[in-house]
Amino acid sequence: ANMAQQWRDPAKLRADQAKTTATALGPGMVDGKPAQKYRMTHADSPGTTSTMWIGANVYPLQIVVESKAQPGSTTIRYSRFNDPSIRIDPPK
């Protein structure tokens, strides 16, 4: 309950933004699609780095999160934005 609420709180978002550093890494490609690549770090998560590829339509194409604290990485690929065949019914 209320898990998503923290991501809708403007005060928390501003506080997190102040602790986040983003660096432009230049152009890249994801599945043959051109993208701009960025690296982000957060002061509250030392040793964790997020690398994002943002497509020409300003939607994310891929995010890779790497952690030294808990060694490993997670890769998330995004696609099918605004696909009319995708339908999510609200819970009843």
Protein backbone atom coordinates (compact mmCIF):
# COMPACT_ATOMS: atom_id res chain seq x y z
CA ALA A 1 0.00 0.00 0.00
CA ASN A 2 1.17 3.51 -0.87
CA MET A 3 4.40 2.20 -2.46
CA ALA A 4 4.02 4.41 -5.55
CA GLN A 5 3.06 7.47 -3.50
CA GLN A 6 6.70 8.31 -2.74
CA TRP A 7 7.34 8.78 -6.48
CA ARG A 8 4.50 11.29 -6.73
CA ASP A 9 5.62 13.50 -3.82
CA PRO A 10 7.11 16.70 -5.33
CA ALA A 11 9.19 17.41 -2.19
CA LYS A 12 10.79 13.94 -2.27
CA LEU A 13 11.43 14.22 -6.00
CA ARG A 14 13.19 17.59 -5.52
CA ALA A 15 15.29 16.18 -2.65
CA ASP A 16 16.31 13.16 -4.73
CA GLN A 17 17.09 15.37 -7.71
CA ALA A 18 19.47 17.43 -5.57
CA LYS A 19 21.37 14.24 -4.64
CA THR A 20 21.59 12.93 -8.22
CA THR A 21 24.43 13.59 -10.64
CA ALA A 22 23.88 12.97 -14.36
CA THR A 23 26.65 12.94 -16.96
CA ALA A 24 26.07 12.94 -20.71
CA LEU A 25 28.13 10.17 -22.36
CA GLY A 26 27.27 11.00 -25.98
CA PRO A 27 25.53 8.96 -28.66
CA GLY A 28 24.88 5.22 -28.44
CA MET A 29 22.71 2.51 -29.96
CA VAL A 30 20.18 0.05 -28.53
CA ASP A 31 18.86 -2.66 -30.86
CA GLY A 32 19.90 -0.57 -33.86
CA LYS A 33 18.09 2.53 -32.58
CA PRO A 34 20.06 5.74 -32.01
CA ALA A 35 20.09 7.03 -28.46
CA GLN A 36 21.76 9.49 -26.14
CA LYS A 37 23.60 7.80 -23.28
CA TYR A 38 23.72 9.13 -19.71
CA ARG A 39 25.29 7.93 -16.45
CA MET A 40 23.62 8.74 -13.13
CA THR A 41 24.79 8.41 -9.55
CA HIS A 42 22.93 9.15 -6.32
CA ALA A 43 24.56 10.37 -3.11
CA ASP A 44 22.50 7.95 -0.99
CA SER A 45 23.67 4.94 -3.05
CA PRO A 46 27.47 5.05 -3.29
CA GLY A 47 28.83 2.33 -5.55
CA THR A 48 25.64 2.16 -7.62
CA THR A 49 25.61 3.54 -11.15
CA SER A 50 22.72 3.76 -13.59
CA THR A 51 23.37 4.08 -17.31
CA MET A 52 20.43 5.15 -19.46
CA TRP A 53 19.91 5.23 -23.23
CA ILE A 54 17.25 7.73 -24.25
CA GLY A 55 15.78 7.41 -27.76
CA ALA A 56 15.04 10.15 -30.29
CA ASN A 57 11.41 10.21 -29.08
CA VAL A 58 12.67 11.03 -25.53
CA TYR A 59 11.51 7.65 -24.19
CA PRO A 60 14.02 5.39 -22.43
CA LEU A 61 15.27 2.45 -24.50
CA GLN A 62 17.44 0.77 -21.87
CA ILE A 63 18.65 1.21 -18.30
CA VAL A 64 21.54 -0.73 -16.74
CA VAL A 65 22.00 -0.49 -12.97
CA GLU A 66 25.31 -1.75 -11.55
CA SER A 67 26.04 -2.11 -7.84
CA LYS A 68 29.33 -2.68 -6.05
CA ALA A 69 27.64 -2.97 -2.64
CA GLN A 70 25.67 -6.02 -3.80
CA PRO A 71 27.74 -7.09 -6.80
CA GLY A 72 25.70 -7.50 -9.93
CA SER A 73 23.76 -5.62 -12.55
CA THR A 74 20.22 -5.32 -13.83
CA THR A 75 19.32 -4.48 -17.43
CA ILE A 76 15.85 -3.25 -18.36
CA ARG A 77 14.82 -2.74 -22.00
CA TYR A 78 11.79 -0.66 -22.94
CA SER A 79 9.67 -0.86 -26.08
CA ARG A 80 6.16 -0.54 -27.48
CA PHE A 81 5.39 2.89 -25.99
CA ASN A 82 1.90 4.05 -26.96
CA ASP A 83 1.10 0.62 -28.45
CA PRO A 84 -2.71 0.59 -28.71
CA SER A 85 -2.79 -3.21 -28.39
CA ILE A 86 -1.49 -3.03 -24.81
CA ARG A 87 -4.34 -2.67 -22.37
CA ILE A 88 -4.17 -2.69 -18.60
CA ASP A 89 -7.49 -2.87 -16.80
CA PRO A 90 -7.67 -1.20 -13.39
CA PRO A 91 -8.11 -3.52 -10.41
CA LYS A 92 -11.64 -4.16 -9.30
